[in-house]
Amino acid sequence: MKKISLSLLAAVLVLTNYACLDNIGAKPITDTKKATDLSIIEEPFKYWTWITADPERTDESYTEEFKKYKQNGLDAILINTNADAKLLARLAPLAKKEGLELHAWIMAMNRPGDKEVNKHPEWYVVSRSGKSAYDNRPYVGYYEFLCPTRTESRNHVLKLVSELADVEDVASVHLDYIRYPDVYLPVGLLPKYDLKQETELPDYDFCYCDVCVETFEKEHGRNPREMENPAIDIEWKQFRLNKIRAVVNDAYDIVHKKNKILTAAVFPYPEMADHMVRQRWDKWNVDVVLPMIYNNFYNEPVEWVGFATKQGVQDLAAKNTQLHTGIYVPEMSGEDVAKAIQLAKDNGAKGVAIFDGPAITEDHFKAIRESKK
């Protein structure tokens, strides 16, 4: 399969903290220069990490952090500036100077603390039980998910994507939370919330806002609120998969026109992501996916990293989309990290992304360095 070159672009990515559809609306790049910049070549195995920016930190402290990452074998930084393009523009040259790619990590459909979003209660997703995420947050207080069907809310997200893509020295815009709230939590997290999720529970089934219901009813002649068992209505499920896909594909067009690429943090493999968060990422227009194969969240051994990586790689076989395996290191030993990296390599990943930078210990860095020999 052909591979997209991220390194060329750089010279030109829980729950994210645990916690990222078909091909409609996409347009091919026809500009000759852009096509050249997005040339297809084989690349070395890439090492990424996610970090969150603090505007109060000094440039010197960021330079020190970036040096540490580069010296220990990392190649790329996915940085969350809360969609602050000015902060991103301040940090991008610092990362570039240390030889790191910088990617603009954005919480997409989940916009906690976004002042513009907070002015519009109608933008938020609504559960089957009739609760709006504006004032009834599912699971955690920062779940402020927006409706991907409503024009105003989706355009707000795309505007932020465009602003981040305008920043010089940014290699990609990295979509996170590009989904609905979790229909099902990872099994390892259920005890934390004292939940049993054996069916699609009404409080966690989204979105039933007026716009979603009216749009679906116009297209299919049925009202989702009146369905006896909406979980088995295939068109209603596909409708929601399509709405997320459409946001991704529009973002893809936006960033490609600005000579950047689109990356995304997603759930472990497409069938699982579909089941858990209505996210069918093997059908998206996206250059690189970083599935969060966090085995401990699913009560799985490290070996599961290989299984989930292989599943995703196989599902992407017909697409020009790279897969870079995301691993969650806080509960891992250095030996576990070394094994996870090798499993990712053996099963077709083109890199590994580590959550998150501050959690990487010296034992983890040693495993990274040795895996590059």
Protein backbone atom coordinates (compact mmCIF):
# COMPACT_ATOMS: atom_id res chain seq x y z
CA MET A 1 0.00 0.00 0.00
CA LYS A 2 1.20 3.53 -0.70
CA LYS A 3 2.35 5.68 2.19
CA ILE A 4 1.90 9.41 2.85
CA SER A 5 5.09 11.31 3.76
CA LEU A 6 4.66 13.33 6.94
CA SER A 7 8.32 14.33 7.09
CA LEU A 8 8.07 16.25 3.82
CA LEU A 9 5.17 18.23 5.17
CA ALA A 10 6.97 19.05 8.38
CA ALA A 11 9.86 20.53 6.39
CA VAL A 12 6.99 22.56 4.69
CA LEU A 13 -2.90 13.57 17.28
CA VAL A 14 -10.33 10.24 26.52
CA LEU A 15 -12.15 9.65 26.21
CA THR A 16 -8.80 11.11 24.89
CA ASN A 17 -7.24 10.61 28.22
CA TYR A 18 -8.24 7.03 27.72
CA ALA A 19 -9.44 9.19 25.25
CA CYS A 20 -10.97 9.77 17.72
CA LEU A 21 -18.51 6.24 7.42
CA ASP A 22 -18.31 6.47 3.77
CA ASN A 23 -16.52 8.65 1.23
CA ILE A 24 -18.89 11.54 0.48
CA GLY A 25 -18.02 15.17 -0.10
CA ALA A 26 -14.30 14.58 -0.62
CA LYS A 27 -12.44 16.24 -3.47
CA PRO A 28 -9.07 15.10 -4.81
CA ILE A 29 -6.11 17.45 -4.71
CA THR A 30 -5.59 18.76 -8.23
CA ASP A 31 -3.03 21.49 -7.60
CA THR A 32 0.35 20.29 -8.89
CA LYS A 33 2.40 21.73 -6.06
CA LYS A 34 0.15 20.24 -3.40
CA ALA A 35 0.21 16.89 -5.12
CA THR A 36 4.02 17.04 -5.12
CA ASP A 37 4.17 18.02 -1.45
CA LEU A 38 1.96 15.05 -0.65
CA SER A 39 4.18 12.66 -2.63
CA ILE A 40 4.06 9.01 -1.71
CA ILE A 41 7.23 7.45 -0.31
CA GLU A 42 8.24 4.85 2.22
CA GLU A 43 9.07 6.30 5.65
CA PRO A 44 10.91 5.10 8.74
CA PHE A 45 8.82 3.87 11.66
CA LYS A 46 7.61 7.01 13.44
CA TYR A 47 7.38 7.76 17.17
CA TRP A 48 4.82 10.30 18.38
CA THR A 49 3.52 11.59 21.69
CA TRP A 50 0.50 13.64 22.78
CA ILE A 51 0.99 16.63 25.08
CA THR A 52 -1.22 19.49 26.32
CA ALA A 53 0.08 23.03 26.17
CA ASP A 54 -0.02 25.53 29.02
CA PRO A 55 0.11 29.17 27.84
CA GLU A 56 1.77 30.18 31.12
CA ARG A 57 4.85 28.08 30.48
CA THR A 58 7.98 29.72 29.14
CA ASP A 59 9.53 29.05 25.77
CA GLU A 60 12.60 27.78 27.58
CA SER A 61 10.61 25.10 29.39
CA TYR A 62 9.06 23.92 26.14
CA THR A 63 12.45 23.85 24.43
CA GLU A 64 13.79 21.70 27.26
CA GLU A 65 10.83 19.30 26.92
CA PHE A 66 11.16 19.10 23.15
CA LYS A 67 14.91 18.43 23.42
CA LYS A 68 14.19 15.54 25.80
CA TYR A 69 11.73 13.99 23.37
CA LYS A 70 14.05 14.33 20.39
CA GLN A 71 17.07 12.98 22.25
CA ASN A 72 15.08 9.94 23.34
CA GLY A 73 13.88 8.95 19.90
CA LEU A 74 10.57 10.75 19.38
CA ASP A 75 9.84 12.26 15.97
CA ALA A 76 6.50 14.06 16.31
CA ILE A 77 4.47 15.98 18.87
CA LEU A 78 0.67 16.14 18.89
CA ILE A 79 -0.04 19.27 20.91
CA ASN A 80 -3.37 20.42 22.36
CA THR A 81 -3.53 24.21 22.60
CA ASN A 82 -7.33 24.21 23.12
CA ALA A 83 -7.58 25.30 19.48
CA ASP A 84 -5.59 28.45 20.24
CA ALA A 85 -3.86 29.17 16.93
CA LYS A 86 -1.74 31.95 18.43
CA LEU A 87 -0.31 29.64 21.09
CA LEU A 88 0.27 27.02 18.41
CA ALA A 89 2.15 29.55 16.28
CA ARG A 90 4.38 30.36 19.27
CA LEU A 91 5.25 26.70 19.91
CA ALA A 92 5.63 25.43 16.35
CA PRO A 93 9.02 27.02 15.65
CA LEU A 94 10.35 25.78 18.99
CA ALA A 95 9.50 22.20 18.05
CA LYS A 96 10.86 22.65 14.54
CA LYS A 97 14.15 23.95 15.90
CA GLU A 98 14.56 20.74 17.90
CA GLY A 99 13.84 18.61 14.83
CA LEU A 100 10.31 17.56 15.78
CA GLU A 101 7.18 17.55 13.66
CA LEU A 102 4.33 19.45 15.27
CA HIS A 103 0.68 18.45 14.82
CA ALA A 104 -2.27 20.57 15.96
CA TRP A 105 -4.35 18.33 18.26
CA ILE A 106 -7.96 19.53 18.54
CA MET A 107 -10.86 18.19 20.57
CA ALA A 108 -13.34 18.30 17.71
CA MET A 109 -16.96 17.36 18.49
CA ASN A 110 -16.27 17.58 22.22
CA ARG A 111 -15.53 21.22 23.03
CA PRO A 112 -15.21 21.64 26.82
CA GLY A 113 -14.77 25.23 27.93
CA ASP A 114 -15.30 26.68 24.47
CA LYS A 115 -16.83 30.09 25.19
CA GLU A 116 -18.47 30.39 21.79
CA VAL A 117 -20.07 26.96 22.15
CA ASN A 118 -21.36 27.79 25.61
CA LYS A 119 -23.44 30.60 24.11
CA HIS A 120 -25.43 28.08 22.04
CA PRO A 121 -27.27 25.41 24.08
CA GLU A 122 -28.95 24.24 20.88
CA TRP A 123 -25.60 23.08 19.46
CA TYR A 124 -25.20 20.23 21.96
CA VAL A 125 -26.10 16.59 21.36
CA VAL A 126 -29.32 15.26 22.90
CA SER A 127 -29.72 11.72 24.25
CA ARG A 128 -32.57 9.32 23.49
CA SER A 129 -33.80 10.07 27.02
CA GLY A 130 -34.12 13.72 25.98
CA LYS A 131 -31.16 15.08 27.94
CA SER A 132 -28.93 17.71 26.36
CA ALA A 133 -25.19 17.51 26.95
CA TYR A 134 -25.40 21.26 27.60
CA ASP A 135 -26.62 20.63 31.14
CA ASN A 136 -26.63 16.82 31.48
CA ARG A 137 -23.10 15.64 30.68
CA PRO A 138 -22.74 11.90 30.09
CA TYR A 139 -20.10 10.23 32.27
CA VAL A 140 -17.91 13.26 33.05
CA GLY A 141 -18.27 17.01 33.35
CA TYR A 142 -16.06 17.79 30.36
CA TYR A 143 -18.23 15.87 27.87
CA GLU A 144 -19.59 18.86 25.97
CA PHE A 145 -20.33 17.13 22.68
CA LEU A 146 -21.76 19.04 19.74
CA CYS A 147 -24.23 17.83 17.15
CA PRO A 148 -22.48 17.02 13.83
CA THR A 149 -25.74 17.43 11.88
CA ARG A 150 -26.48 21.02 12.87
CA THR A 151 -24.84 23.43 10.42
CA GLU A 152 -23.76 26.01 13.00
CA SER A 153 -22.03 23.58 15.37
CA ARG A 154 -20.20 21.66 12.65
CA ASN A 155 -19.11 24.90 10.99
CA HIS A 156 -17.69 26.13 14.30
CA VAL A 157 -15.49 23.03 14.50
CA LEU A 158 -14.40 23.39 10.88
CA LYS A 159 -13.54 27.04 11.42
CA LEU A 160 -11.18 26.03 14.24
CA VAL A 161 -9.65 23.36 12.02
CA SER A 162 -9.02 25.98 9.34
CA GLU A 163 -7.38 28.39 11.79
CA LEU A 164 -5.02 25.69 13.09
CA ALA A 165 -4.14 24.62 9.55
CA ASP A 166 -3.07 28.20 8.78
CA VAL A 167 -0.21 28.01 11.29
CA GLU A 168 3.21 27.75 9.69
CA ASP A 169 5.34 24.71 10.55
CA VAL A 170 2.32 22.59 11.50
CA ALA A 171 2.33 19.23 9.70
CA SER A 172 -1.29 18.24 10.31
CA VAL A 173 -4.50 19.05 12.10
CA HIS A 174 -5.17 16.14 14.44
CA LEU A 175 -8.83 15.41 15.14
CA ASP A 176 -9.68 13.94 18.53
CA TYR A 177 -13.15 13.25 19.94
CA ILE A 178 -14.32 13.07 16.35
CA ARG A 179 -17.32 11.01 17.35
CA TYR A 180 -20.43 10.86 19.53
CA PRO A 181 -20.31 10.26 23.28
CA ASP A 182 -19.57 6.66 24.19
CA VAL A 183 -22.47 4.31 23.65
CA TYR A 184 -20.34 1.76 25.48
CA LEU A 185 -17.37 2.49 27.71
CA PRO A 186 -14.28 0.28 27.60
CA VAL A 187 -15.03 -2.63 29.91
CA GLY A 188 -12.12 -1.78 32.17
CA LEU A 189 -13.64 1.63 32.93
CA LEU A 190 -17.19 0.50 33.75
CA PRO A 191 -16.51 -0.10 37.48
CA LYS A 192 -15.33 3.51 37.82
CA TYR A 193 -18.82 4.68 36.82
CA ASP A 194 -20.71 1.82 38.52
CA LEU A 195 -22.31 0.92 35.20
CA LYS A 196 -23.46 -2.14 33.32
CA GLN A 197 -23.79 -1.53 29.60
CA GLU A 198 -25.25 -4.64 28.00
CA THR A 199 -27.55 -2.69 25.65
CA GLU A 200 -27.62 0.82 24.19
CA LEU A 201 -28.88 2.75 27.20
CA PRO A 202 -31.05 5.84 26.49
CA ASP A 203 -28.81 8.21 28.48
CA TYR A 204 -25.80 7.31 26.29
CA ASP A 205 -27.46 7.05 22.88
CA PHE A 206 -27.01 10.24 20.79
CA CYS A 207 -28.11 12.41 18.95
CA TYR A 208 -31.88 12.91 19.09
CA CYS A 209 -31.97 16.69 18.78
CA ASP A 210 -34.65 18.31 16.62
CA VAL A 211 -32.31 18.78 13.67
CA CYS A 212 -31.14 15.14 13.64
CA VAL A 213 -34.67 13.79 14.02
CA GLU A 214 -36.18 16.08 11.38
CA THR A 215 -33.37 15.44 8.90
CA PHE A 216 -33.58 11.67 9.30
CA GLU A 217 -37.37 11.68 9.10
CA LYS A 218 -37.24 13.69 5.88
CA GLU A 219 -34.78 11.23 4.34
CA HIS A 220 -36.25 7.95 5.62
CA GLY A 221 -39.83 8.63 6.67
CA ARG A 222 -39.33 7.45 10.27
CA ASN A 223 -38.96 9.30 13.56
CA PRO A 224 -36.08 7.91 15.66
CA ARG A 225 -37.82 9.03 18.86
CA GLU A 226 -40.73 6.72 18.03
CA MET A 227 -38.66 3.62 17.22
CA GLU A 228 -39.29 0.69 19.57
CA ASN A 229 -35.64 -0.37 19.34
CA PRO A 230 -33.51 2.21 17.51
CA ALA A 231 -30.35 0.16 18.15
CA ILE A 232 -31.35 -2.28 15.40
CA ASP A 233 -32.39 0.32 12.84
CA ILE A 234 -29.53 0.20 10.34
CA GLU A 235 -30.42 3.42 8.52
CA TRP A 236 -30.55 5.38 11.79
CA LYS A 237 -27.14 4.03 12.77
CA GLN A 238 -25.70 4.77 9.33
CA PHE A 239 -27.17 8.27 9.39
CA ARG A 240 -25.04 9.09 12.43
CA LEU A 241 -21.92 7.43 11.08
CA ASN A 242 -22.35 9.52 7.96
CA LYS A 243 -22.64 12.79 9.90
CA ILE A 244 -19.31 12.25 11.63
CA ARG A 245 -17.75 11.15 8.36
CA ALA A 246 -18.98 14.31 6.65
CA VAL A 247 -17.24 16.51 9.25
CA VAL A 248 -14.00 14.56 8.76
CA ASN A 249 -14.18 14.76 4.99
CA ASP A 250 -14.82 18.51 5.08
CA ALA A 251 -11.85 18.93 7.43
CA TYR A 252 -9.75 16.88 5.01
CA ASP A 253 -10.61 19.25 2.17
CA ILE A 254 -9.85 22.30 4.30
CA VAL A 255 -6.40 21.21 5.47
CA HIS A 256 -5.33 19.82 2.11
CA LYS A 257 -6.09 23.14 0.46
CA LYS A 258 -3.66 24.65 2.97
CA ASN A 259 -1.00 22.06 2.08
CA LYS A 260 -1.36 20.21 5.39
CA ILE A 261 -2.61 16.71 6.08
CA LEU A 262 -5.33 15.34 8.36
CA THR A 263 -4.64 12.94 11.21
CA ALA A 264 -7.06 11.56 13.81
CA ALA A 265 -7.11 9.82 17.18
CA VAL A 266 -9.64 7.01 16.94
CA PHE A 267 -10.92 3.99 18.85
CA PRO A 268 -8.96 0.72 18.51
CA TYR A 269 -10.24 -0.68 15.19
CA PRO A 270 -13.12 0.28 12.90
CA GLU A 271 -15.68 -2.36 13.90
CA MET A 272 -15.04 -1.66 17.58
CA ALA A 273 -15.16 2.11 17.07
CA ASP A 274 -18.44 1.73 15.20
CA HIS A 275 -19.93 -0.25 18.10
CA MET A 276 -18.65 1.97 20.89
CA VAL A 277 -18.80 5.56 19.60
CA ARG A 278 -20.32 5.48 16.08
CA GLN A 279 -16.98 6.09 14.45
CA ARG A 280 -16.26 4.13 11.26
CA TRP A 281 -12.84 5.52 10.50
CA ASP A 282 -11.86 3.13 7.71
CA LYS A 283 -14.44 4.94 5.55
CA TRP A 284 -13.04 8.44 6.18
CA ASN A 285 -10.88 10.68 4.06
CA VAL A 286 -7.92 10.95 6.43
CA ASP A 287 -4.18 10.64 5.90
CA VAL A 288 -3.13 9.03 9.18
CA VAL A 289 -5.10 7.39 11.99
CA LEU A 290 -3.72 6.87 15.47
CA PRO A 291 -6.01 4.28 17.07
CA MET A 292 -5.87 4.39 20.85
CA ILE A 293 -5.08 0.73 21.46
CA TYR A 294 -5.02 1.11 25.22
CA ASN A 295 -5.11 -2.56 26.21
CA ASN A 296 -5.48 -1.93 29.95
CA PHE A 297 -8.76 -0.05 29.38
CA TYR A 298 -10.21 -3.23 27.92
CA ASN A 299 -8.71 -5.65 30.47
CA GLU A 300 -6.56 -7.06 27.70
CA PRO A 301 -2.89 -8.15 27.79
CA VAL A 302 -0.22 -6.31 25.84
CA GLU A 303 -0.56 -8.89 23.07
CA TRP A 304 -3.93 -7.33 22.21
CA VAL A 305 -2.01 -4.36 20.78
CA GLY A 306 -0.92 -6.64 17.95
CA PHE A 307 -4.43 -7.95 17.30
CA ALA A 308 -6.06 -4.52 17.18
CA THR A 309 -3.25 -3.09 15.05
CA LYS A 310 -3.58 -5.90 12.53
CA GLN A 311 -7.36 -5.50 12.37
CA GLY A 312 -7.06 -1.80 11.60
CA VAL A 313 -4.31 -2.27 9.04
CA GLN A 314 -6.39 -4.88 7.22
CA ASP A 315 -9.45 -2.61 7.21
CA LEU A 316 -7.37 0.15 5.63
CA ALA A 317 -5.85 -2.08 2.95
CA ALA A 318 -7.71 -0.40 0.10
CA LYS A 319 -7.01 3.15 1.27
CA ASN A 320 -4.01 5.50 1.27
CA THR A 321 -4.29 5.91 5.03
CA GLN A 322 -1.46 5.10 7.42
CA LEU A 323 -2.04 3.55 10.84
CA HIS A 324 0.18 4.44 13.78
CA THR A 325 -0.62 2.52 16.97
CA GLY A 326 -1.49 4.51 20.08
CA ILE A 327 -0.33 3.04 23.40
CA TYR A 328 -1.13 4.12 26.96
CA VAL A 329 2.02 3.94 29.05
CA PRO A 330 1.14 5.01 32.63
CA GLU A 331 0.33 1.41 33.59
CA MET A 332 3.10 -0.13 31.49
CA SER A 333 6.61 -1.23 32.37
CA GLY A 334 9.52 -0.58 30.05
CA GLU A 335 9.30 -4.23 29.00
CA ASP A 336 5.61 -3.79 28.18
CA VAL A 337 6.35 -0.74 26.04
CA ALA A 338 9.09 -2.57 24.16
CA LYS A 339 6.69 -5.46 23.49
CA ALA A 340 3.89 -3.12 22.37
CA ILE A 341 6.20 -1.34 19.93
CA GLN A 342 7.36 -4.62 18.43
CA LEU A 343 3.78 -5.90 18.16
CA ALA A 344 2.79 -2.71 16.34
CA LYS A 345 5.69 -3.11 13.92
CA ASP A 346 5.00 -6.80 13.34
CA ASN A 347 1.34 -6.15 12.52
CA GLY A 348 1.78 -3.41 9.96
CA ALA A 349 1.71 -0.12 11.89
CA LYS A 350 3.88 2.67 10.51
CA GLY A 351 4.60 4.13 13.93
CA VAL A 352 3.54 4.33 17.57
CA ALA A 353 2.00 7.24 19.47
CA ILE A 354 2.41 7.42 23.23
CA PHE A 355 -0.10 8.85 25.68
CA ASP A 356 1.21 11.01 27.00
CA GLY A 357 4.53 12.83 26.95
CA PRO A 358 4.79 13.67 30.67
CA ALA A 359 3.98 10.04 31.55
CA ILE A 360 6.98 8.63 29.68
CA THR A 361 9.51 7.33 32.20
CA GLU A 362 13.21 6.66 31.69
CA ASP A 363 12.40 2.93 31.33
CA HIS A 364 9.91 3.81 28.59
CA PHE A 365 12.44 6.05 26.83
CA LYS A 366 14.99 3.27 27.01
CA ALA A 367 12.54 0.91 25.31
CA ILE A 368 11.95 3.51 22.58
CA ARG A 369 15.65 4.08 22.00
CA GLU A 370 16.44 0.39 21.85
CA SER A 371 13.55 -0.30 19.47
CA LYS A 372 15.18 2.07 16.96
CA LYS A 373 18.46 0.17 16.81
